[in-house]
């Protein structure tokens, strides 16, 4: 029997420190990417509600272009285009921009769900447009979008292994490096999968609970 397919607890324990270092990078990329995505996605959703086609058309085209091309291709292209920038920074930015295009649709649905009467009341009170958005519309819209944003955060976390393409040593790459150095891939890859599960599953339960509370 090939010894490489036999589980070895010593190798599992030996791989753990390296995987935890990779997990830190994975979580960092997810958090930074999520901050970019949630902020930029909201801006895109608001901009696309403009009646000026000269604004909405290019923004809409860019959104559809990003959504229609693979994340892996975007990462490699950006890394080649901005070779002087650290790969981790590029990875965070690309993750954020990629997911912002999806989150903008979540925000759009949340904004559209605000009752029409709320808009009319703001107009009747002669509230400035900035206050209408900041005090009336967005608090209600964002409350309704939190579960959707949480689901995208989990998806982003699970797609961080694509950062291997730009030489960022996140958790999956750390597992691959351990396997390459010891010829013991099973333990490292399995432990990486368990760590992904240990982080993403509780977050998934939290998002589900949030959905039930907001339902």
C-alpha atoms as a PDB file:
ATOM      1  CA  UNK A   1       0.000   0.000   0.000  1.00  0.00           C
ATOM      2  CA  UNK A   2       1.234   3.483  -0.838  1.00  0.00           C
ATOM      3  CA  UNK A   3       2.162   5.055   2.500  1.00  0.00           C
ATOM      4  CA  UNK A   4       1.152   8.484   1.185  1.00  0.00           C
ATOM      5  CA  UNK A   5      -2.527   7.518   1.455  1.00  0.00           C
ATOM      6  CA  UNK A   6      -2.238   6.285   5.056  1.00  0.00           C
ATOM      7  CA  UNK A   7      -3.208   8.834   7.665  1.00  0.00           C
ATOM      8  CA  UNK A   8      -0.433   9.897  10.015  1.00  0.00           C
ATOM      9  CA  UNK A   9      -1.287  11.964  13.081  1.00  0.00           C
ATOM     10  CA  UNK A  10       2.295  13.148  13.494  1.00  0.00           C
ATOM     11  CA  UNK A  11       2.243  14.761  10.074  1.00  0.00           C
ATOM     12  CA  UNK A  12      -1.190  16.224  10.789  1.00  0.00           C
ATOM     13  CA  UNK A  13       0.167  17.870  13.933  1.00  0.00           C
ATOM     14  CA  UNK A  14       3.355  18.976  12.190  1.00  0.00           C
ATOM     15  CA  UNK A  15       1.402  20.641   9.394  1.00  0.00           C
ATOM     16  CA  UNK A  16      -0.878  22.569  11.775  1.00  0.00           C
ATOM     17  CA  UNK A  17       1.444  25.515  12.628  1.00  0.00           C
ATOM     18  CA  UNK A  18       2.080  26.194   8.947  1.00  0.00           C
ATOM     19  CA  UNK A  19      -1.643  25.943   8.211  1.00  0.00           C
ATOM     20  CA  UNK A  20      -2.516  28.347  11.018  1.00  0.00           C
ATOM     21  CA  UNK A  21      -0.133  30.901   9.546  1.00  0.00           C
ATOM     22  CA  UNK A  22      -1.897  30.458   6.232  1.00  0.00           C
ATOM     23  CA  UNK A  23      -5.258  30.773   7.983  1.00  0.00           C
ATOM     24  CA  UNK A  24      -4.244  34.201   9.258  1.00  0.00           C
ATOM     25  CA  UNK A  25      -3.619  35.324   5.678  1.00  0.00           C
ATOM     26  CA  UNK A  26      -6.897  33.737   4.575  1.00  0.00           C
ATOM     27  CA  UNK A  27      -8.903  35.530   7.253  1.00  0.00           C
ATOM     28  CA  UNK A  28      -7.083  38.820   6.634  1.00  0.00           C
ATOM     29  CA  UNK A  29      -7.796  38.665   2.888  1.00  0.00           C
ATOM     30  CA  UNK A  30     -11.435  37.847   3.592  1.00  0.00           C
ATOM     31  CA  UNK A  31     -11.939  40.679   6.088  1.00  0.00           C
ATOM     32  CA  UNK A  32     -10.208  43.306   3.930  1.00  0.00           C
ATOM     33  CA  UNK A  33     -11.917  42.026   0.792  1.00  0.00           C
ATOM     34  CA  UNK A  34     -15.284  42.121   2.554  1.00  0.00           C
ATOM     35  CA  UNK A  35     -14.755  45.715   3.691  1.00  0.00           C
ATOM     36  CA  UNK A  36     -13.932  46.725   0.125  1.00  0.00           C
ATOM     37  CA  UNK A  37     -16.808  44.738  -1.351  1.00  0.00           C
ATOM     38  CA  UNK A  38     -19.464  45.969   1.069  1.00  0.00           C
ATOM     39  CA  UNK A  39     -18.427  49.612   0.698  1.00  0.00           C
ATOM     40  CA  UNK A  40     -17.891  49.606  -3.056  1.00  0.00           C
ATOM     41  CA  UNK A  41     -21.001  47.503  -3.635  1.00  0.00           C
ATOM     42  CA  UNK A  42     -23.142  50.089  -1.847  1.00  0.00           C
ATOM     43  CA  UNK A  43     -21.614  52.906  -3.905  1.00  0.00           C
ATOM     44  CA  UNK A  44     -22.264  51.000  -7.131  1.00  0.00           C
ATOM     45  CA  UNK A  45     -25.867  50.277  -6.136  1.00  0.00           C
ATOM     46  CA  UNK A  46     -26.525  53.966  -5.445  1.00  0.00           C
ATOM     47  CA  UNK A  47     -24.752  55.139  -8.621  1.00  0.00           C
ATOM     48  CA  UNK A  48     -26.751  52.727 -10.787  1.00  0.00           C
ATOM     49  CA  UNK A  49     -29.972  54.333  -9.570  1.00  0.00           C
ATOM     50  CA  UNK A  50     -28.957  57.554 -11.269  1.00  0.00           C
ATOM     51  CA  UNK A  51     -31.006  58.707 -14.253  1.00  0.00           C
ATOM     52  CA  UNK A  52     -27.859  59.850 -16.076  1.00  0.00           C
ATOM     53  CA  UNK A  53     -27.052  57.193 -18.659  1.00  0.00           C
ATOM     54  CA  UNK A  54     -23.580  58.629 -19.098  1.00  0.00           C
ATOM     55  CA  UNK A  55     -22.923  57.369 -15.550  1.00  0.00           C
ATOM     56  CA  UNK A  56     -25.039  54.239 -15.322  1.00  0.00           C
ATOM     57  CA  UNK A  57     -23.982  52.707 -18.661  1.00  0.00           C
ATOM     58  CA  UNK A  58     -20.207  52.483 -18.043  1.00  0.00           C
ATOM     59  CA  UNK A  59     -20.728  51.405 -14.431  1.00  0.00           C
ATOM     60  CA  UNK A  60     -23.240  48.763 -15.506  1.00  0.00           C
ATOM     61  CA  UNK A  61     -20.922  47.508 -18.263  1.00  0.00           C
ATOM     62  CA  UNK A  62     -18.007  47.260 -15.836  1.00  0.00           C
ATOM     63  CA  UNK A  63     -20.141  45.347 -13.332  1.00  0.00           C
ATOM     64  CA  UNK A  64     -21.283  42.849 -15.945  1.00  0.00           C
ATOM     65  CA  UNK A  65     -17.734  42.473 -17.287  1.00  0.00           C
ATOM     66  CA  UNK A  66     -16.363  41.644 -13.839  1.00  0.00           C
ATOM     67  CA  UNK A  67     -19.211  39.253 -13.068  1.00  0.00           C
ATOM     68  CA  UNK A  68     -18.767  37.480 -16.408  1.00  0.00           C
ATOM     69  CA  UNK A  69     -15.037  36.792 -16.082  1.00  0.00           C
ATOM     70  CA  UNK A  70     -13.465  34.245 -13.699  1.00  0.00           C
ATOM     71  CA  UNK A  71     -11.982  35.448 -10.433  1.00  0.00           C
ATOM     72  CA  UNK A  72      -8.820  33.456 -11.151  1.00  0.00           C
ATOM     73  CA  UNK A  73      -8.263  35.298 -14.437  1.00  0.00           C
ATOM     74  CA  UNK A  74      -8.835  38.650 -12.744  1.00  0.00           C
ATOM     75  CA  UNK A  75      -6.275  37.837 -10.058  1.00  0.00           C
ATOM     76  CA  UNK A  76      -3.575  36.828 -12.521  1.00  0.00           C
ATOM     77  CA  UNK A  77      -4.265  39.798 -14.820  1.00  0.00           C
ATOM     78  CA  UNK A  78      -4.152  42.308 -11.954  1.00  0.00           C
ATOM     79  CA  UNK A  79      -0.965  40.763 -10.589  1.00  0.00           C
ATOM     80  CA  UNK A  80       0.723  41.093 -13.981  1.00  0.00           C
ATOM     81  CA  UNK A  81      -0.587  44.625 -14.513  1.00  0.00           C
ATOM     82  CA  UNK A  82       0.449  45.882 -11.070  1.00  0.00           C
ATOM     83  CA  UNK A  83       3.579  43.821 -10.541  1.00  0.00           C
ATOM     84  CA  UNK A  84       5.096  46.470  -8.255  1.00  0.00           C
ATOM     85  CA  UNK A  85       2.274  46.106  -5.703  1.00  0.00           C
ATOM     86  CA  UNK A  86       2.427  43.319  -3.064  1.00  0.00           C
ATOM     87  CA  UNK A  87       0.465  40.277  -4.163  1.00  0.00           C
ATOM     88  CA  UNK A  88      -1.585  40.170  -0.960  1.00  0.00           C
ATOM     89  CA  UNK A  89      -2.781  43.740  -1.524  1.00  0.00           C
ATOM     90  CA  UNK A  90      -3.746  42.866  -5.094  1.00  0.00           C
ATOM     91  CA  UNK A  91      -5.546  39.767  -3.898  1.00  0.00           C
ATOM     92  CA  UNK A  92      -7.582  41.695  -1.323  1.00  0.00           C
ATOM     93  CA  UNK A  93      -8.470  44.370  -3.876  1.00  0.00           C
ATOM     94  CA  UNK A  94      -9.504  41.902  -6.574  1.00  0.00           C
ATOM     95  CA  UNK A  95     -11.594  39.856  -4.138  1.00  0.00           C
ATOM     96  CA  UNK A  96     -13.270  43.048  -2.939  1.00  0.00           C
ATOM     97  CA  UNK A  97     -13.988  44.403  -6.414  1.00  0.00           C
ATOM     98  CA  UNK A  98     -15.182  41.026  -7.701  1.00  0.00           C
ATOM     99  CA  UNK A  99     -17.642  40.538  -4.866  1.00  0.00           C
ATOM    100  CA  UNK A 100     -18.710  44.187  -4.889  1.00  0.00           C
ATOM    101  CA  UNK A 101     -20.436  43.522  -8.203  1.00  0.00           C
ATOM    102  CA  UNK A 102     -22.561  40.829  -6.568  1.00  0.00           C
ATOM    103  CA  UNK A 103     -23.169  42.752  -3.367  1.00  0.00           C
ATOM    104  CA  UNK A 104     -24.363  45.748  -5.367  1.00  0.00           C
ATOM    105  CA  UNK A 105     -27.317  43.618  -6.469  1.00  0.00           C
ATOM    106  CA  UNK A 106     -28.025  42.675  -2.856  1.00  0.00           C
ATOM    107  CA  UNK A 107     -27.996  46.352  -1.919  1.00  0.00           C
ATOM    108  CA  UNK A 108     -30.193  47.186  -4.913  1.00  0.00           C
ATOM    109  CA  UNK A 109     -32.791  44.667  -3.775  1.00  0.00           C
ATOM    110  CA  UNK A 110     -32.649  46.069  -0.245  1.00  0.00           C
ATOM    111  CA  UNK A 111     -33.106  49.636  -1.479  1.00  0.00           C
ATOM    112  CA  UNK A 112     -35.998  48.618  -3.735  1.00  0.00           C
ATOM    113  CA  UNK A 113     -37.637  46.906  -0.754  1.00  0.00           C
ATOM    114  CA  UNK A 114     -37.898  50.204   1.169  1.00  0.00           C
ATOM    115  CA  UNK A 115     -41.598  51.141   1.052  1.00  0.00           C
ATOM    116  CA  UNK A 116     -42.447  53.876  -1.414  1.00  0.00           C
ATOM    117  CA  UNK A 117     -44.146  55.766   1.387  1.00  0.00           C
ATOM    118  CA  UNK A 118     -40.782  56.279   3.077  1.00  0.00           C
ATOM    119  CA  UNK A 119     -39.457  58.094   0.021  1.00  0.00           C
ATOM    120  CA  UNK A 120     -42.637  60.162  -0.232  1.00  0.00           C
ATOM    121  CA  UNK A 121     -42.494  61.090   3.455  1.00  0.00           C
ATOM    122  CA  UNK A 122     -38.900  62.269   3.076  1.00  0.00           C
ATOM    123  CA  UNK A 123     -39.921  64.438   0.118  1.00  0.00           C
ATOM    124  CA  UNK A 124     -42.908  65.820   2.019  1.00  0.00           C
ATOM    125  CA  UNK A 125     -40.614  66.765   4.910  1.00  0.00           C
ATOM    126  CA  UNK A 126     -38.281  68.437   2.414  1.00  0.00           C
ATOM    127  CA  UNK A 127     -35.322  66.418   3.676  1.00  0.00           C
ATOM    128  CA  UNK A 128     -32.040  66.903   1.812  1.00  0.00           C
ATOM    129  CA  UNK A 129     -31.184  64.025  -0.507  1.00  0.00           C
ATOM    130  CA  UNK A 130     -28.169  63.091   1.611  1.00  0.00           C
ATOM    131  CA  UNK A 131     -30.322  62.875   4.746  1.00  0.00           C
ATOM    132  CA  UNK A 132     -33.005  60.911   2.925  1.00  0.00           C
ATOM    133  CA  UNK A 133     -30.423  58.283   2.024  1.00  0.00           C
ATOM    134  CA  UNK A 134     -28.494  58.377   5.294  1.00  0.00           C
ATOM    135  CA  UNK A 135     -31.348  58.532   7.793  1.00  0.00           C
ATOM    136  CA  UNK A 136     -34.310  56.933   6.001  1.00  0.00           C
ATOM    137  CA  UNK A 137     -33.384  54.625   3.144  1.00  0.00           C
ATOM    138  CA  UNK A 138     -30.015  53.057   3.928  1.00  0.00           C
ATOM    139  CA  UNK A 139     -30.718  52.016   7.544  1.00  0.00           C
ATOM    140  CA  UNK A 140     -33.718  50.012   6.339  1.00  0.00           C
ATOM    141  CA  UNK A 141     -32.028  48.698   3.202  1.00  0.00           C
ATOM    142  CA  UNK A 142     -28.829  47.555   4.927  1.00  0.00           C
ATOM    143  CA  UNK A 143     -30.806  45.808   7.656  1.00  0.00           C
ATOM    144  CA  UNK A 144     -32.479  43.690   4.993  1.00  0.00           C
ATOM    145  CA  UNK A 145     -29.222  42.940   3.175  1.00  0.00           C
ATOM    146  CA  UNK A 146     -27.169  41.689   6.141  1.00  0.00           C
ATOM    147  CA  UNK A 147     -27.955  37.976   5.600  1.00  0.00           C
ATOM    148  CA  UNK A 148     -27.054  38.216   1.915  1.00  0.00           C
ATOM    149  CA  UNK A 149     -23.818  40.042   2.685  1.00  0.00           C
ATOM    150  CA  UNK A 150     -22.970  37.379   5.257  1.00  0.00           C
ATOM    151  CA  UNK A 151     -23.429  34.618   2.688  1.00  0.00           C
ATOM    152  CA  UNK A 152     -21.087  36.389   0.284  1.00  0.00           C
ATOM    153  CA  UNK A 153     -18.517  36.771   3.071  1.00  0.00           C
ATOM    154  CA  UNK A 154     -18.552  32.988   3.515  1.00  0.00           C
ATOM    155  CA  UNK A 155     -18.212  32.487  -0.237  1.00  0.00           C
ATOM    156  CA  UNK A 156     -15.265  34.874  -0.338  1.00  0.00           C
ATOM    157  CA  UNK A 157     -13.580  33.006   2.500  1.00  0.00           C
ATOM    158  CA  UNK A 158     -13.918  29.735   0.602  1.00  0.00           C
ATOM    159  CA  UNK A 159     -12.515  31.258  -2.604  1.00  0.00           C
ATOM    160  CA  UNK A 160      -9.318  32.595  -1.041  1.00  0.00           C
ATOM    161  CA  UNK A 161      -7.416  29.487  -2.259  1.00  0.00           C
ATOM    162  CA  UNK A 162      -7.446  31.170  -5.692  1.00  0.00           C
ATOM    163  CA  UNK A 163      -4.805  33.501  -4.268  1.00  0.00           C
ATOM    164  CA  UNK A 164      -2.290  30.721  -4.890  1.00  0.00           C
ATOM    165  CA  UNK A 165      -2.246  31.919  -8.509  1.00  0.00           C
ATOM    166  CA  UNK A 166      -0.534  35.161  -7.454  1.00  0.00           C
ATOM    167  CA  UNK A 167       1.816  33.460  -4.980  1.00  0.00           C
ATOM    168  CA  UNK A 168       0.003  34.436  -1.787  1.00  0.00           C
ATOM    169  CA  UNK A 169       0.607  31.761   0.835  1.00  0.00           C
ATOM    170  CA  UNK A 170      -2.887  31.392   2.220  1.00  0.00           C
ATOM    171  CA  UNK A 171      -4.036  28.210   3.950  1.00  0.00           C
ATOM    172  CA  UNK A 172      -4.439  25.983   0.894  1.00  0.00           C
ATOM    173  CA  UNK A 173      -1.056  27.014  -0.493  1.00  0.00           C
ATOM    174  CA  UNK A 174       0.500  26.371   2.930  1.00  0.00           C
ATOM    175  CA  UNK A 175      -0.959  22.858   2.833  1.00  0.00           C
ATOM    176  CA  UNK A 176       0.427  22.314  -0.653  1.00  0.00           C
ATOM    177  CA  UNK A 177       3.859  23.536   0.429  1.00  0.00           C
ATOM    178  CA  UNK A 178       3.878  21.195   3.406  1.00  0.00           C
ATOM    179  CA  UNK A 179       2.908  18.301   1.170  1.00  0.00           C
ATOM    180  CA  UNK A 180       5.590  19.182  -1.361  1.00  0.00           C
ATOM    181  CA  UNK A 181       8.243  19.268   1.350  1.00  0.00           C
ATOM    182  CA  UNK A 182       7.262  16.044   3.092  1.00  0.00           C
ATOM    183  CA  UNK A 183       5.398  14.132   0.367  1.00  0.00           C
ATOM    184  CA  UNK A 184       2.470  13.924   2.810  1.00  0.00           C
ATOM    185  CA  UNK A 185      -0.407  15.740   1.138  1.00  0.00           C
ATOM    186  CA  UNK A 186      -3.342  13.928   2.707  1.00  0.00           C
ATOM    187  CA  UNK A 187      -2.814  15.185   6.248  1.00  0.00           C
ATOM    188  CA  UNK A 188      -2.120  18.786   5.228  1.00  0.00           C
ATOM    189  CA  UNK A 189      -5.020  19.050   2.767  1.00  0.00           C
ATOM    190  CA  UNK A 190      -7.415  17.358   5.184  1.00  0.00           C
ATOM    191  CA  UNK A 191      -6.423  19.644   8.042  1.00  0.00           C
ATOM    192  CA  UNK A 192      -6.842  22.671   5.753  1.00  0.00           C
ATOM    193  CA  UNK A 193     -10.337  21.484   4.861  1.00  0.00           C
ATOM    194  CA  UNK A 194     -11.222  21.034   8.535  1.00  0.00           C
ATOM    195  CA  UNK A 195      -9.984  24.533   9.354  1.00  0.00           C
ATOM    196  CA  UNK A 196     -12.105  25.955   6.538  1.00  0.00           C
ATOM    197  CA  UNK A 197     -15.068  24.082   7.992  1.00  0.00           C
ATOM    198  CA  UNK A 198     -14.380  25.207  11.569  1.00  0.00           C
ATOM    199  CA  UNK A 199     -14.401  28.858  10.488  1.00  0.00           C
ATOM    200  CA  UNK A 200     -17.112  28.895   7.829  1.00  0.00           C
ATOM    201  CA  UNK A 201     -19.725  26.621   9.447  1.00  0.00           C
ATOM    202  CA  UNK A 202     -20.245  28.681  12.644  1.00  0.00           C
ATOM    203  CA  UNK A 203     -20.405  31.795  10.460  1.00  0.00           C
ATOM    204  CA  UNK A 204     -23.016  30.092   8.290  1.00  0.00           C
ATOM    205  CA  UNK A 205     -25.092  29.279  11.391  1.00  0.00           C
ATOM    206  CA  UNK A 206     -24.805  32.891  12.529  1.00  0.00           C
ATOM    207  CA  UNK A 207     -26.002  34.155   9.136  1.00  0.00           C
ATOM    208  CA  UNK A 208     -28.925  31.720   9.204  1.00  0.00           C
ATOM    209  CA  UNK A 209     -29.882  32.903  12.669  1.00  0.00           C
ATOM    210  CA  UNK A 210     -29.689  36.481  11.462  1.00  0.00           C
ATOM    211  CA  UNK A 211     -31.959  35.634   8.542  1.00  0.00           C
ATOM    212  CA  UNK A 212     -34.532  34.132  10.920  1.00  0.00           C
ATOM    213  CA  UNK A 213     -34.433  37.170  13.183  1.00  0.00           C
ATOM    214  CA  UNK A 214     -34.895  39.586  10.302  1.00  0.00           C
ATOM    215  CA  UNK A 215     -37.578  37.499   8.577  1.00  0.00           C
END
